Amino acid sequence: MMWREPEDKLIPLLEELGIGFVPFTPLCKGFLSDAYDKNGFHAKLNAPRFSEEALKKNRVVVDLVNKIAKEKKATVA
């Protein structure tokens, strides 16, 4: 969700070679599970995906995921 770079070159290559792809930290270091601390460790990184603007835009997706999980009586994981 927050880092789409593997889709450009890596995933097509892995598909061609028949190799699976396991995303690193699939719950986005607490962001998707709504446990992200904007003042914590990741806020100190200069990664564009943790900028205020990016977090605000991605919040829409997080809210949708949480809504679906609640309706399904499931966890966001």
PDB file of N, CA and C in Angstrom:
ATOM      1  N   MET A   1       0.817  -1.188   0.000  1.00  0.00           N
ATOM      2  CA  MET A   1       0.000   0.000   0.000  1.00  0.00           C
ATOM      3  C   MET A   1       0.863   1.255   0.000  1.00  0.00           C
ATOM      4  N   MET A   2       1.884   1.248   0.820  1.00  0.00           N
ATOM      5  CA  MET A   2       2.649   2.479   0.981  1.00  0.00           C
ATOM      6  C   MET A   2       3.956   2.473   0.196  1.00  0.00           C
ATOM      7  N   TRP A   3       4.358   1.324  -0.341  1.00  0.00           N
ATOM      8  CA  TRP A   3       5.573   1.259  -1.145  1.00  0.00           C
ATOM      9  C   TRP A   3       5.313   0.321  -2.302  1.00  0.00           C
ATOM     10  N   ARG A   4       5.162   0.872  -3.477  1.00  0.00           N
ATOM     11  CA  ARG A   4       4.740   0.108  -4.643  1.00  0.00           C
ATOM     12  C   ARG A   4       5.884  -0.235  -5.591  1.00  0.00           C
ATOM     13  N   GLU A   5       7.108   0.078  -5.231  1.00  0.00           N
ATOM     14  CA  GLU A   5       8.241  -0.127  -6.116  1.00  0.00           C
ATOM     15  C   GLU A   5       8.422  -1.572  -6.593  1.00  0.00           C
ATOM     16  N   PRO A   6       8.215  -2.593  -5.752  1.00  0.00           N
ATOM     17  CA  PRO A   6       8.418  -3.964  -6.238  1.00  0.00           C
ATOM     18  C   PRO A   6       7.554  -4.316  -7.459  1.00  0.00           C
ATOM     19  N   GLU A   7       6.418  -3.652  -7.603  1.00  0.00           N
ATOM     20  CA  GLU A   7       5.528  -3.964  -8.718  1.00  0.00           C
ATOM     21  C   GLU A   7       6.133  -3.605 -10.076  1.00  0.00           C
ATOM     22  N   ASP A   8       7.067  -2.678 -10.101  1.00  0.00           N
ATOM     23  CA  ASP A   8       7.633  -2.219 -11.363  1.00  0.00           C
ATOM     24  C   ASP A   8       8.485  -3.269 -12.053  1.00  0.00           C
ATOM     25  N   LYS A   9       9.453  -3.820 -11.347  1.00  0.00           N
ATOM     26  CA  LYS A   9      10.391  -4.756 -11.969  1.00  0.00           C
ATOM     27  C   LYS A   9      10.499  -6.084 -11.242  1.00  0.00           C
ATOM     28  N   LEU A  10      10.457  -6.035  -9.926  1.00  0.00           N
ATOM     29  CA  LEU A  10      10.701  -7.240  -9.147  1.00  0.00           C
ATOM     30  C   LEU A  10       9.600  -8.282  -9.308  1.00  0.00           C
ATOM     31  N   ILE A  11       8.362  -7.898  -9.127  1.00  0.00           N
ATOM     32  CA  ILE A  11       7.273  -8.881  -9.174  1.00  0.00           C
ATOM     33  C   ILE A  11       7.143  -9.525 -10.556  1.00  0.00           C
ATOM     34  N   PRO A  12       7.222  -8.758 -11.658  1.00  0.00           N
ATOM     35  CA  PRO A  12       7.184  -9.430 -12.968  1.00  0.00           C
ATOM     36  C   PRO A  12       8.317 -10.451 -13.143  1.00  0.00           C
ATOM     37  N   LEU A  13       9.501 -10.127 -12.655  1.00  0.00           N
ATOM     38  CA  LEU A  13      10.627 -11.058 -12.747  1.00  0.00           C
ATOM     39  C   LEU A  13      10.361 -12.306 -11.919  1.00  0.00           C
ATOM     40  N   LEU A  14       9.874 -12.107 -10.702  1.00  0.00           N
ATOM     41  CA  LEU A  14       9.567 -13.257  -9.845  1.00  0.00           C
ATOM     42  C   LEU A  14       8.500 -14.146 -10.470  1.00  0.00           C
ATOM     43  N   GLU A  15       7.494 -13.535 -11.093  1.00  0.00           N
ATOM     44  CA  GLU A  15       6.458 -14.320 -11.768  1.00  0.00           C
ATOM     45  C   GLU A  15       7.060 -15.133 -12.909  1.00  0.00           C
ATOM     46  N   GLU A  16       7.933 -14.515 -13.674  1.00  0.00           N
ATOM     47  CA  GLU A  16       8.588 -15.198 -14.798  1.00  0.00           C
ATOM     48  C   GLU A  16       9.417 -16.390 -14.321  1.00  0.00           C
ATOM     49  N   LEU A  17      10.049 -16.242 -13.169  1.00  0.00           N
ATOM     50  CA  LEU A  17      10.903 -17.301 -12.629  1.00  0.00           C
ATOM     51  C   LEU A  17      10.144 -18.287 -11.738  1.00  0.00           C
ATOM     52  N   GLY A  18       8.858 -18.018 -11.488  1.00  0.00           N
ATOM     53  CA  GLY A  18       8.057 -18.910 -10.639  1.00  0.00           C
ATOM     54  C   GLY A  18       8.404 -18.817  -9.167  1.00  0.00           C
ATOM     55  N   ILE A  19       8.820 -17.635  -8.736  1.00  0.00           N
ATOM     56  CA  ILE A  19       9.209 -17.413  -7.344  1.00  0.00           C
ATOM     57  C   ILE A  19       8.143 -16.567  -6.658  1.00  0.00           C
ATOM     58  N   GLY A  20       7.773 -16.926  -5.439  1.00  0.00           N
ATOM     59  CA  GLY A  20       6.779 -16.177  -4.688  1.00  0.00           C
ATOM     60  C   GLY A  20       7.365 -14.908  -4.084  1.00  0.00           C
ATOM     61  N   PHE A  21       6.500 -13.997  -3.720  1.00  0.00           N
ATOM     62  CA  PHE A  21       6.901 -12.729  -3.108  1.00  0.00           C
ATOM     63  C   PHE A  21       6.195 -12.595  -1.767  1.00  0.00           C
ATOM     64  N   VAL A  22       6.963 -12.418  -0.707  1.00  0.00           N
ATOM     65  CA  VAL A  22       6.392 -12.227   0.621  1.00  0.00           C
ATOM     66  C   VAL A  22       6.702 -10.788   1.036  1.00  0.00           C
ATOM     67  N   PRO A  23       5.673  -9.947   1.151  1.00  0.00           N
ATOM     68  CA  PRO A  23       5.907  -8.549   1.521  1.00  0.00           C
ATOM     69  C   PRO A  23       6.485  -8.429   2.923  1.00  0.00           C
ATOM     70  N   PHE A  24       7.393  -7.494   3.076  1.00  0.00           N
ATOM     71  CA  PHE A  24       7.973  -7.198   4.380  1.00  0.00           C
ATOM     72  C   PHE A  24       6.983  -6.376   5.192  1.00  0.00           C
ATOM     73  N   THR A  25       6.737  -6.784   6.368  1.00  0.00           N
ATOM     74  CA  THR A  25       5.794  -6.141   7.292  1.00  0.00           C
ATOM     75  C   THR A  25       4.455  -5.815   6.627  1.00  0.00           C
ATOM     76  N   PRO A  26       3.680  -6.838   6.286  1.00  0.00           N
ATOM     77  CA  PRO A  26       2.430  -6.626   5.548  1.00  0.00           C
ATOM     78  C   PRO A  26       1.405  -5.740   6.240  1.00  0.00           C
ATOM     79  N   LEU A  27       1.508  -5.566   7.522  1.00  0.00           N
ATOM     80  CA  LEU A  27       0.570  -4.657   8.186  1.00  0.00           C
ATOM     81  C   LEU A  27       1.169  -3.263   8.320  1.00  0.00           C
ATOM     82  N   CYS A  28       2.218  -3.026   7.545  1.00  0.00           N
ATOM     83  CA  CYS A  28       2.794  -1.690   7.411  1.00  0.00           C
ATOM     84  C   CYS A  28       3.222  -1.086   8.746  1.00  0.00           C
ATOM     85  N   LYS A  29       3.908  -1.902   9.515  1.00  0.00           N
ATOM     86  CA  LYS A  29       4.472  -1.434  10.788  1.00  0.00           C
ATOM     87  C   LYS A  29       3.421  -0.789  11.692  1.00  0.00           C
ATOM     88  N   GLY A  30       2.238  -1.396  11.705  1.00  0.00           N
ATOM     89  CA  GLY A  30       1.178  -0.920  12.586  1.00  0.00           C
ATOM     90  C   GLY A  30       0.202   0.032  11.937  1.00  0.00           C
ATOM     91  N   PHE A  31       0.512   0.516  10.738  1.00  0.00           N
ATOM     92  CA  PHE A  31      -0.372   1.505  10.124  1.00  0.00           C
ATOM     93  C   PHE A  31      -1.717   0.895   9.756  1.00  0.00           C
ATOM     94  N   LEU A  32      -1.717  -0.254   9.086  1.00  0.00           N
ATOM     95  CA  LEU A  32      -2.989  -0.880   8.697  1.00  0.00           C
ATOM     96  C   LEU A  32      -3.775  -1.402   9.886  1.00  0.00           C
ATOM     97  N   SER A  33      -3.081  -1.777  10.940  1.00  0.00           N
ATOM     98  CA  SER A  33      -3.782  -2.297  12.117  1.00  0.00           C
ATOM     99  C   SER A  33      -4.219  -1.181  13.055  1.00  0.00           C
ATOM    100  N   ASP A  34      -4.009   0.064  12.622  1.00  0.00           N
ATOM    101  CA  ASP A  34      -4.416   1.242  13.384  1.00  0.00           C
ATOM    102  C   ASP A  34      -3.636   1.386  14.687  1.00  0.00           C
ATOM    103  N   ALA A  35      -2.437   0.797  14.724  1.00  0.00           N
ATOM    104  CA  ALA A  35      -1.594   0.910  15.907  1.00  0.00           C
ATOM    105  C   ALA A  35      -0.363   1.766  15.619  1.00  0.00           C
ATOM    106  N   TYR A  36      -0.376   2.480  14.518  1.00  0.00           N
ATOM    107  CA  TYR A  36       0.752   3.305  14.118  1.00  0.00           C
ATOM    108  C   TYR A  36       0.870   4.518  15.033  1.00  0.00           C
ATOM    109  N   ASP A  37       2.079   4.774  15.487  1.00  0.00           N
ATOM    110  CA  ASP A  37       2.333   5.925  16.347  1.00  0.00           C
ATOM    111  C   ASP A  37       3.049   6.991  15.522  1.00  0.00           C
ATOM    112  N   LYS A  38       2.365   8.072  15.181  1.00  0.00           N
ATOM    113  CA  LYS A  38       2.959   9.086  14.312  1.00  0.00           C
ATOM    114  C   LYS A  38       4.139   9.794  14.962  1.00  0.00           C
ATOM    115  N   ASN A  39       4.329   9.607  16.251  1.00  0.00           N
ATOM    116  CA  ASN A  39       5.474  10.202  16.934  1.00  0.00           C
ATOM    117  C   ASN A  39       6.570   9.175  17.223  1.00  0.00           C
ATOM    118  N   GLY A  40       6.347   7.954  16.780  1.00  0.00           N
ATOM    119  CA  GLY A  40       7.286   6.881  17.078  1.00  0.00           C
ATOM    120  C   GLY A  40       8.431   6.767  16.093  1.00  0.00           C
ATOM    121  N   PHE A  41       9.031   5.612  16.102  1.00  0.00           N
ATOM    122  CA  PHE A  41      10.214   5.296  15.309  1.00  0.00           C
ATOM    123  C   PHE A  41      10.074   5.651  13.832  1.00  0.00           C
ATOM    124  N   HIS A  42       8.993   5.260  13.214  1.00  0.00           N
ATOM    125  CA  HIS A  42       8.842   5.456  11.773  1.00  0.00           C
ATOM    126  C   HIS A  42       8.658   6.923  11.392  1.00  0.00           C
ATOM    127  N   ALA A  43       8.165   7.699  12.300  1.00  0.00           N
ATOM    128  CA  ALA A  43       7.999   9.127  12.022  1.00  0.00           C
ATOM    129  C   ALA A  43       9.350   9.808  11.845  1.00  0.00           C
ATOM    130  N   LYS A  44      10.369   9.205  12.404  1.00  0.00           N
ATOM    131  CA  LYS A  44      11.705   9.785  12.307  1.00  0.00           C
ATOM    132  C   LYS A  44      12.412   9.412  11.000  1.00  0.00           C
ATOM    133  N   LEU A  45      11.860   8.472  10.269  1.00  0.00           N
ATOM    134  CA  LEU A  45      12.439   8.104   8.981  1.00  0.00           C
ATOM    135  C   LEU A  45      12.100   9.174   7.954  1.00  0.00           C
ATOM    136  N   ASN A  46      12.970   9.367   7.011  1.00  0.00           N
ATOM    137  CA  ASN A  46      12.701  10.343   5.962  1.00  0.00           C
ATOM    138  C   ASN A  46      12.048   9.694   4.749  1.00  0.00           C
ATOM    139  N   ALA A  47      11.416   8.557   4.932  1.00  0.00           N
ATOM    140  CA  ALA A  47      10.741   7.869   3.837  1.00  0.00           C
ATOM    141  C   ALA A  47       9.493   8.649   3.447  1.00  0.00           C
ATOM    142  N   PRO A  48       9.305   8.914   2.162  1.00  0.00           N
ATOM    143  CA  PRO A  48       8.137   9.683   1.718  1.00  0.00           C
ATOM    144  C   PRO A  48       6.812   9.074   2.163  1.00  0.00           C
ATOM    145  N   ARG A  49       6.758   7.756   2.313  1.00  0.00           N
ATOM    146  CA  ARG A  49       5.484   7.121   2.688  1.00  0.00           C
ATOM    147  C   ARG A  49       5.050   7.456   4.110  1.00  0.00           C
ATOM    148  N   PHE A  50       5.974   8.015   4.919  1.00  0.00           N
ATOM    149  CA  PHE A  50       5.627   8.405   6.276  1.00  0.00           C
ATOM    150  C   PHE A  50       5.483   9.914   6.436  1.00  0.00           C
ATOM    151  N   SER A  51       5.450  10.641   5.325  1.00  0.00           N
ATOM    152  CA  SER A  51       5.244  12.083   5.404  1.00  0.00           C
ATOM    153  C   SER A  51       3.806  12.360   5.829  1.00  0.00           C
ATOM    154  N   GLU A  52       3.563  13.530   6.359  1.00  0.00           N
ATOM    155  CA  GLU A  52       2.207  13.889   6.793  1.00  0.00           C
ATOM    156  C   GLU A  52       1.213  13.776   5.636  1.00  0.00           C
ATOM    157  N   GLU A  53       1.612  14.246   4.460  1.00  0.00           N
ATOM    158  CA  GLU A  53       0.724  14.206   3.294  1.00  0.00           C
ATOM    159  C   GLU A  53       0.381  12.770   2.901  1.00  0.00           C
ATOM    160  N   ALA A  54       1.393  11.904   2.857  1.00  0.00           N
ATOM    161  CA  ALA A  54       1.158  10.511   2.487  1.00  0.00           C
ATOM    162  C   ALA A  54       0.293   9.804   3.529  1.00  0.00           C
ATOM    163  N   LEU A  55       0.579  10.046   4.801  1.00  0.00           N
ATOM    164  CA  LEU A  55      -0.207   9.412   5.856  1.00  0.00           C
ATOM    165  C   LEU A  55      -1.668   9.840   5.787  1.00  0.00           C
ATOM    166  N   LYS A  56      -1.905  11.104   5.493  1.00  0.00           N
ATOM    167  CA  LYS A  56      -3.277  11.601   5.393  1.00  0.00           C
ATOM    168  C   LYS A  56      -4.011  10.900   4.241  1.00  0.00           C
ATOM    169  N   LYS A  57      -3.362  10.772   3.095  1.00  0.00           N
ATOM    170  CA  LYS A  57      -3.989  10.115   1.943  1.00  0.00           C
ATOM    171  C   LYS A  57      -4.210   8.630   2.203  1.00  0.00           C
ATOM    172  N   ASN A  58      -3.241   7.974   2.833  1.00  0.00           N
ATOM    173  CA  ASN A  58      -3.374   6.544   3.106  1.00  0.00           C
ATOM    174  C   ASN A  58      -4.385   6.267   4.210  1.00  0.00           C
ATOM    175  N   ARG A  59      -4.666   7.259   5.025  1.00  0.00           N
ATOM    176  CA  ARG A  59      -5.644   7.105   6.104  1.00  0.00           C
ATOM    177  C   ARG A  59      -7.012   6.705   5.546  1.00  0.00           C
ATOM    178  N   VAL A  60      -7.341   7.177   4.350  1.00  0.00           N
ATOM    179  CA  VAL A  60      -8.610   6.828   3.707  1.00  0.00           C
ATOM    180  C   VAL A  60      -8.700   5.316   3.523  1.00  0.00           C
ATOM    181  N   VAL A  61      -7.604   4.720   3.081  1.00  0.00           N
ATOM    182  CA  VAL A  61      -7.576   3.270   2.865  1.00  0.00           C
ATOM    183  C   VAL A  61      -7.646   2.535   4.197  1.00  0.00           C
ATOM    184  N   VAL A  62      -6.917   3.015   5.183  1.00  0.00           N
ATOM    185  CA  VAL A  62      -6.936   2.389   6.503  1.00  0.00           C
ATOM    186  C   VAL A  62      -8.347   2.409   7.082  1.00  0.00           C
ATOM    187  N   ASP A  63      -9.028   3.529   6.962  1.00  0.00           N
ATOM    188  CA  ASP A  63     -10.400   3.622   7.465  1.00  0.00           C
ATOM    189  C   ASP A  63     -11.319   2.637   6.753  1.00  0.00           C
ATOM    190  N   LEU A  64     -11.139   2.481   5.435  1.00  0.00           N
ATOM    191  CA  LEU A  64     -11.950   1.533   4.672  1.00  0.00           C
ATOM    192  C   LEU A  64     -11.678   0.098   5.116  1.00  0.00           C
ATOM    193  N   VAL A  65     -10.396  -0.246   5.275  1.00  0.00           N
ATOM    194  CA  VAL A  65     -10.032  -1.593   5.726  1.00  0.00           C
ATOM    195  C   VAL A  65     -10.623  -1.870   7.104  1.00  0.00           C
ATOM    196  N   ASN A  66     -10.543  -0.902   8.004  1.00  0.00           N
ATOM    197  CA  ASN A  66     -11.117  -1.077   9.339  1.00  0.00           C
ATOM    198  C   ASN A  66     -12.631  -1.236   9.286  1.00  0.00           C
ATOM    199  N   LYS A  67     -13.294  -0.476   8.404  1.00  0.00           N
ATOM    200  CA  LYS A  67     -14.749  -0.576   8.270  1.00  0.00           C
ATOM    201  C   LYS A  67     -15.151  -1.967   7.773  1.00  0.00           C
ATOM    202  N   ILE A  68     -14.461  -2.459   6.769  1.00  0.00           N
ATOM    203  CA  ILE A  68     -14.758  -3.792   6.225  1.00  0.00           C
ATOM    204  C   ILE A  68     -14.519  -4.855   7.290  1.00  0.00           C
ATOM    205  N   ALA A  69     -13.395  -4.747   7.999  1.00  0.00           N
ATOM    206  CA  ALA A  69     -13.101  -5.721   9.030  1.00  0.00           C
ATOM    207  C   ALA A  69     -14.184  -5.723  10.106  1.00  0.00           C
ATOM    208  N   LYS A  70     -14.649  -4.560  10.494  1.00  0.00           N
ATOM    209  CA  LYS A  70     -15.693  -4.461  11.514  1.00  0.00           C
ATOM    210  C   LYS A  70     -17.002  -5.082  11.020  1.00  0.00           C
ATOM    211  N   GLU A  71     -17.365  -4.790   9.761  1.00  0.00           N
ATOM    212  CA  GLU A  71     -18.584  -5.361   9.193  1.00  0.00           C
ATOM    213  C   GLU A  71     -18.525  -6.880   9.108  1.00  0.00           C
ATOM    214  N   LYS A  72     -17.351  -7.399   8.827  1.00  0.00           N
ATOM    215  CA  LYS A  72     -17.155  -8.860   8.704  1.00  0.00           C
ATOM    216  C   LYS A  72     -16.860  -9.520  10.041  1.00  0.00           C
ATOM    217  N   LYS A  73     -16.800  -8.701  11.093  1.00  0.00           N
ATOM    218  CA  LYS A  73     -16.438  -9.194  12.426  1.00  0.00           C
ATOM    219  C   LYS A  73     -15.100  -9.916  12.366  1.00  0.00           C
ATOM    220  N   ALA A  74     -14.138  -9.232  11.741  1.00  0.00           N
ATOM    221  CA  ALA A  74     -12.793  -9.785  11.566  1.00  0.00           C
ATOM    222  C   ALA A  74     -11.776  -8.744  12.006  1.00  0.00           C
ATOM    223  N   THR A  75     -10.525  -9.128  11.969  1.00  0.00           N
ATOM    224  CA  THR A  75      -9.462  -8.178  12.268  1.00  0.00           C
ATOM    225  C   THR A  75      -8.945  -7.613  10.959  1.00  0.00           C
ATOM    226  N   VAL A  76      -8.263  -6.502  11.018  1.00  0.00           N
ATOM    227  CA  VAL A  76      -7.692  -5.942   9.797  1.00  0.00           C
ATOM    228  C   VAL A  76      -6.590  -6.830   9.249  1.00  0.00           C
ATOM    229  N   ALA A  77      -5.970  -7.606  10.107  1.00  0.00           N
ATOM    230  CA  ALA A  77      -4.921  -8.522   9.639  1.00  0.00           C
ATOM    231  C   ALA A  77      -5.499  -9.521   8.673  1.00  0.00           C
TER     232      ALA A  77
END
